[in-house]
Amino acid sequence: MLFFTSSFSPLVGNLLVTLLTFIYVFGLVALMNFCVTRFGLPQDISRKITHIGAGSIIVFLPLYNDLHWSKYLNVTIFVVWFILLILKGFFASPDDEAVKTMTRTGDRRELLKGPLYFVIVAIICGTVWYKAFPGIVAMASLGWGDGFAPIIGSRYGRWKYQILSTKTVEGSLTMFISAFIASIFFVWLILPSELNINRILIIALIATFVEGFSPKEVDNILIPVAAIAAANFIF
């Protein structure tokens, strides 16, 4: 725990860390909205930066006290966004922050697909696989791998291939490198005793393969499922 949380009871300390996650996520959304509105940042880029930032929220996990049930408050921010995405997906206006920063086209109904799937996965990883290797590599692969891949692939990809959707070799390579590096970093940070480069390498390859044939939006489910499955069978 950080020095300022160690001075409090486990419950209060975990509540403080949870508050930090709220400041982080809502601050990120506000920043992306500002960049889209003020500087014309493309919505697809804003969407993926938000995606990467949301996946990186596991950086707060080491701050939670595992000896108290309140450790599961780590998913509170995602539960809140689960509710918000449903409401905004049905009722938000075109100038809503979430619509401008989390959709490709400005259609609010997109919030009920990829972004909603993402928070569901995050809730599962933060509870069923709390501070566990499968949950960490799943979030790292989904957040960073699937976050950076379309940014590079859509702008610099030249070698295209199509299975269930059009992808690029450059994007898939970015997916692999980002998932691999992010998984190493977050496992080292959260669960250093289980840092295994070869195991992470294989999981990143499997996640990349799955991302390569996944249809848009559904990859937010298939990538973490593949990473978790691989993590449970590869030792």
Protein backbone atom coordinates (compact mmCIF):
# COMPACT_ATOMS: atom_id res chain seq x y z
CA MET A 1 0.00 0.00 0.00
CA LEU A 2 1.03 3.60 -0.45
CA PHE A 3 2.21 5.38 2.65
CA PHE A 4 -0.97 7.50 2.84
CA THR A 5 -3.27 4.46 2.81
CA SER A 6 -1.23 2.43 5.30
CA SER A 7 -2.17 4.94 7.98
CA PHE A 8 -5.85 3.96 7.70
CA SER A 9 -7.87 0.83 8.29
CA PRO A 10 -8.05 -1.67 5.38
CA LEU A 11 -11.57 -0.52 4.50
CA VAL A 12 -10.71 3.18 4.47
CA GLY A 13 -7.48 2.53 2.58
CA ASN A 14 -9.30 0.53 -0.09
CA LEU A 15 -11.97 3.20 -0.34
CA LEU A 16 -9.27 5.80 -0.95
CA VAL A 17 -7.72 3.73 -3.73
CA THR A 18 -11.18 3.24 -5.25
CA LEU A 19 -11.65 7.01 -5.20
CA LEU A 20 -8.39 7.33 -7.13
CA THR A 21 -9.76 4.99 -9.82
CA PHE A 22 -12.81 7.23 -10.21
CA ILE A 23 -10.65 10.35 -10.53
CA TYR A 24 -8.45 8.55 -13.06
CA VAL A 25 -11.23 7.22 -15.30
CA PHE A 26 -13.52 10.24 -15.30
CA GLY A 27 -10.48 12.48 -15.73
CA LEU A 28 -9.39 10.46 -18.76
CA VAL A 29 -12.84 10.69 -20.35
CA ALA A 30 -12.95 14.44 -19.71
CA LEU A 31 -9.48 14.87 -21.20
CA MET A 32 -10.38 12.92 -24.33
CA ASN A 33 -13.60 14.90 -24.69
CA PHE A 34 -11.58 18.12 -24.46
CA CYS A 35 -9.14 16.88 -27.12
CA VAL A 36 -11.96 15.83 -29.46
CA THR A 37 -13.90 19.06 -29.00
CA ARG A 38 -11.04 21.55 -28.84
CA PHE A 39 -8.34 20.00 -31.01
CA GLY A 40 -10.34 17.77 -33.34
CA LEU A 41 -8.81 14.51 -32.15
CA PRO A 42 -10.38 11.75 -34.30
CA GLN A 43 -13.00 9.81 -32.41
CA ASP A 44 -11.47 6.46 -33.31
CA ILE A 45 -8.18 7.57 -31.73
CA SER A 46 -9.95 8.97 -28.67
CA ARG A 47 -11.87 5.71 -28.36
CA LYS A 48 -8.71 3.62 -28.34
CA ILE A 49 -6.81 5.90 -25.97
CA THR A 50 -9.74 5.55 -23.58
CA HIS A 51 -9.63 1.80 -24.19
CA ILE A 52 -5.91 1.64 -23.33
CA GLY A 53 -6.40 3.86 -20.29
CA ALA A 54 -9.26 1.73 -18.99
CA GLY A 55 -7.17 -1.41 -19.37
CA SER A 56 -4.37 0.25 -17.43
CA ILE A 57 -6.56 0.73 -14.36
CA ILE A 58 -5.10 -2.51 -13.01
CA VAL A 59 -2.06 -0.40 -12.11
CA PHE A 60 -4.03 0.48 -8.96
CA LEU A 61 -4.39 -3.16 -7.83
CA PRO A 62 -1.13 -3.26 -5.82
CA LEU A 63 -2.54 -0.48 -3.65
CA TYR A 64 -5.46 -2.59 -2.40
CA ASN A 65 -5.27 -4.40 0.93
CA ASP A 66 -6.03 -8.04 0.20
CA LEU A 67 -6.91 -8.87 3.81
CA HIS A 68 -10.30 -7.15 3.62
CA TRP A 69 -13.38 -7.88 1.49
CA SER A 70 -13.29 -4.27 0.25
CA LYS A 71 -10.51 -5.26 -2.14
CA TYR A 72 -13.32 -6.09 -4.56
CA LEU A 73 -14.23 -2.42 -4.66
CA ASN A 74 -11.59 -2.27 -7.40
CA VAL A 75 -14.39 -3.03 -9.88
CA THR A 76 -16.72 -0.30 -8.59
CA ILE A 77 -15.72 2.10 -11.35
CA PHE A 78 -16.58 -0.53 -13.95
CA VAL A 79 -19.93 -1.30 -12.31
CA VAL A 80 -20.74 2.40 -12.48
CA TRP A 81 -19.74 2.52 -16.14
CA PHE A 82 -21.75 -0.62 -16.84
CA ILE A 83 -24.85 1.28 -15.73
CA LEU A 84 -23.81 4.51 -17.47
CA LEU A 85 -23.09 2.79 -20.79
CA ILE A 86 -26.51 1.16 -20.81
CA LEU A 87 -28.23 4.46 -20.05
CA LYS A 88 -26.11 6.43 -22.49
CA GLY A 89 -26.43 3.76 -25.16
CA PHE A 90 -30.19 4.31 -25.17
CA PHE A 91 -30.61 7.95 -24.23
CA ALA A 92 -27.37 9.98 -24.63
CA SER A 93 -27.23 13.01 -26.92
CA PRO A 94 -24.64 13.23 -29.74
CA ASP A 95 -22.52 15.68 -27.72
CA ASP A 96 -22.31 13.41 -24.67
CA GLU A 97 -18.71 12.86 -23.49
CA ALA A 98 -18.99 9.08 -23.71
CA VAL A 99 -20.46 9.20 -27.22
CA LYS A 100 -17.66 11.47 -28.46
CA THR A 101 -14.83 9.59 -26.79
CA MET A 102 -15.91 5.92 -26.92
CA THR A 103 -17.59 5.51 -30.31
CA ARG A 104 -16.23 5.38 -33.85
CA THR A 105 -19.07 7.14 -35.63
CA GLY A 106 -20.88 9.11 -32.92
CA ASP A 107 -23.71 6.57 -32.77
CA ARG A 108 -24.62 6.13 -29.10
CA ARG A 109 -25.66 2.52 -29.73
CA GLU A 110 -22.00 1.62 -30.14
CA LEU A 111 -21.68 2.04 -26.37
CA LEU A 112 -23.80 -1.08 -25.96
CA LYS A 113 -21.26 -3.17 -27.85
CA GLY A 114 -17.48 -2.96 -27.49
CA PRO A 115 -17.31 -0.55 -24.50
CA LEU A 116 -19.98 -2.49 -22.60
CA TYR A 117 -18.26 -5.81 -23.29
CA PHE A 118 -15.03 -4.27 -22.03
CA VAL A 119 -16.45 -3.28 -18.63
CA ILE A 120 -18.08 -6.71 -18.21
CA VAL A 121 -14.71 -8.36 -18.79
CA ALA A 122 -13.03 -5.93 -16.38
CA ILE A 123 -15.60 -6.73 -13.67
CA ILE A 124 -15.01 -10.46 -14.08
CA CYS A 125 -11.21 -10.09 -14.06
CA GLY A 126 -11.34 -7.86 -10.99
CA THR A 127 -13.41 -10.35 -8.99
CA VAL A 128 -13.02 -13.93 -10.23
CA TRP A 129 -9.37 -13.38 -11.14
CA TYR A 130 -8.50 -10.62 -8.69
CA LYS A 131 -4.70 -10.17 -8.70
CA ALA A 132 -4.42 -13.52 -10.50
CA PHE A 133 -2.24 -14.20 -13.52
CA PRO A 134 -5.11 -14.96 -15.96
CA GLY A 135 -6.94 -11.74 -15.11
CA ILE A 136 -3.81 -9.62 -15.40
CA VAL A 137 -2.74 -10.91 -18.83
CA ALA A 138 -6.35 -10.72 -20.06
CA MET A 139 -6.63 -7.04 -19.17
CA ALA A 140 -3.15 -6.27 -20.49
CA SER A 141 -3.84 -8.01 -23.81
CA LEU A 142 -7.26 -6.43 -24.17
CA GLY A 143 -6.29 -2.95 -23.02
CA TRP A 144 -2.92 -2.46 -24.65
CA GLY A 145 -2.86 -5.07 -27.40
CA ASP A 146 -6.32 -4.43 -28.80
CA GLY A 147 -5.89 -0.73 -28.01
CA PHE A 148 -2.77 -0.05 -30.06
CA ALA A 149 -3.40 -2.55 -32.89
CA PRO A 150 -6.14 -0.60 -34.73
CA ILE A 151 -4.36 2.73 -34.25
CA ILE A 152 -1.28 1.46 -36.08
CA GLY A 153 -3.11 -0.87 -38.44
CA SER A 154 -5.63 1.68 -39.71
CA ARG A 155 -3.02 4.37 -40.33
CA TYR A 156 0.12 2.53 -41.31
CA GLY A 157 -1.11 -0.92 -42.30
CA ARG A 158 -0.30 -1.87 -45.89
CA TRP A 159 -0.49 -5.65 -45.84
CA LYS A 160 -4.16 -6.51 -45.36
CA TYR A 161 -5.79 -9.86 -44.73
CA GLN A 162 -9.38 -10.84 -44.05
CA ILE A 163 -10.90 -13.72 -42.13
CA LEU A 164 -14.08 -12.47 -40.45
CA SER A 165 -13.05 -8.82 -40.69
CA THR A 166 -10.29 -6.88 -42.42
CA LYS A 167 -7.05 -6.63 -40.45
CA THR A 168 -3.45 -5.74 -41.29
CA VAL A 169 -0.18 -7.51 -40.62
CA GLU A 170 1.18 -4.31 -39.09
CA GLY A 171 -1.80 -4.08 -36.74
CA SER A 172 -1.47 -7.72 -35.68
CA LEU A 173 2.26 -7.27 -35.06
CA THR A 174 1.44 -4.24 -32.90
CA MET A 175 -1.15 -6.32 -31.06
CA PHE A 176 1.43 -8.96 -30.24
CA ILE A 177 4.18 -6.58 -29.15
CA SER A 178 1.82 -4.43 -27.05
CA ALA A 179 0.14 -7.41 -25.37
CA PHE A 180 3.51 -9.02 -24.67
CA ILE A 181 5.17 -5.93 -23.18
CA ALA A 182 2.09 -4.83 -21.21
CA SER A 183 1.60 -8.33 -19.78
CA ILE A 184 5.20 -8.47 -18.64
CA PHE A 185 4.93 -5.06 -16.99
CA PHE A 186 1.63 -5.63 -15.18
CA VAL A 187 2.51 -9.15 -14.03
CA TRP A 188 5.82 -7.81 -12.71
CA LEU A 189 3.98 -4.98 -10.95
CA ILE A 190 1.08 -6.95 -9.47
CA LEU A 191 2.22 -10.57 -9.24
CA PRO A 192 6.04 -10.66 -9.67
CA SER A 193 6.29 -14.23 -8.34
CA GLU A 194 4.51 -15.49 -11.46
CA LEU A 195 6.48 -13.55 -14.05
CA ASN A 196 7.30 -16.07 -16.78
CA ILE A 197 8.42 -14.60 -20.09
CA ASN A 198 7.89 -17.75 -22.14
CA ARG A 199 4.40 -18.26 -20.77
CA ILE A 200 3.48 -14.65 -21.51
CA LEU A 201 4.97 -14.93 -25.00
CA ILE A 202 2.73 -17.87 -25.88
CA ILE A 203 -0.36 -16.17 -24.43
CA ALA A 204 0.38 -13.00 -26.42
CA LEU A 205 0.68 -15.07 -29.60
CA ILE A 206 -2.65 -16.78 -28.93
CA ALA A 207 -4.35 -13.46 -28.14
CA THR A 208 -2.95 -12.02 -31.38
CA PHE A 209 -4.23 -14.97 -33.39
CA VAL A 210 -7.70 -14.60 -31.87
CA GLU A 211 -7.72 -10.85 -32.50
CA GLY A 212 -6.80 -11.51 -36.11
CA PHE A 213 -9.99 -13.40 -36.89
CA SER A 214 -12.33 -11.66 -34.43
CA PRO A 215 -15.14 -9.48 -35.81
CA LYS A 216 -15.20 -5.88 -34.62
CA GLU A 217 -16.64 -5.35 -31.12
CA VAL A 218 -16.69 -9.07 -30.34
CA ASP A 219 -12.90 -9.04 -29.94
CA ASN A 220 -13.44 -7.34 -26.57
CA ILE A 221 -14.84 -10.68 -25.43
CA LEU A 222 -12.81 -13.17 -27.45
CA ILE A 223 -9.36 -11.75 -26.64
CA PRO A 224 -9.66 -11.93 -22.83
CA VAL A 225 -11.41 -15.31 -23.03
CA ALA A 226 -8.51 -16.64 -25.12
CA ALA A 227 -5.91 -15.11 -22.77
CA ILE A 228 -7.59 -16.53 -19.67
CA ALA A 229 -8.00 -19.97 -21.23
CA ALA A 230 -4.38 -20.00 -22.35
CA ALA A 231 -3.16 -18.80 -18.95
CA ASN A 232 -4.98 -21.66 -17.24
CA PHE A 233 -3.49 -24.33 -19.49
CA ILE A 234 0.05 -23.01 -20.06
CA PHE A 235 2.42 -23.44 -17.13
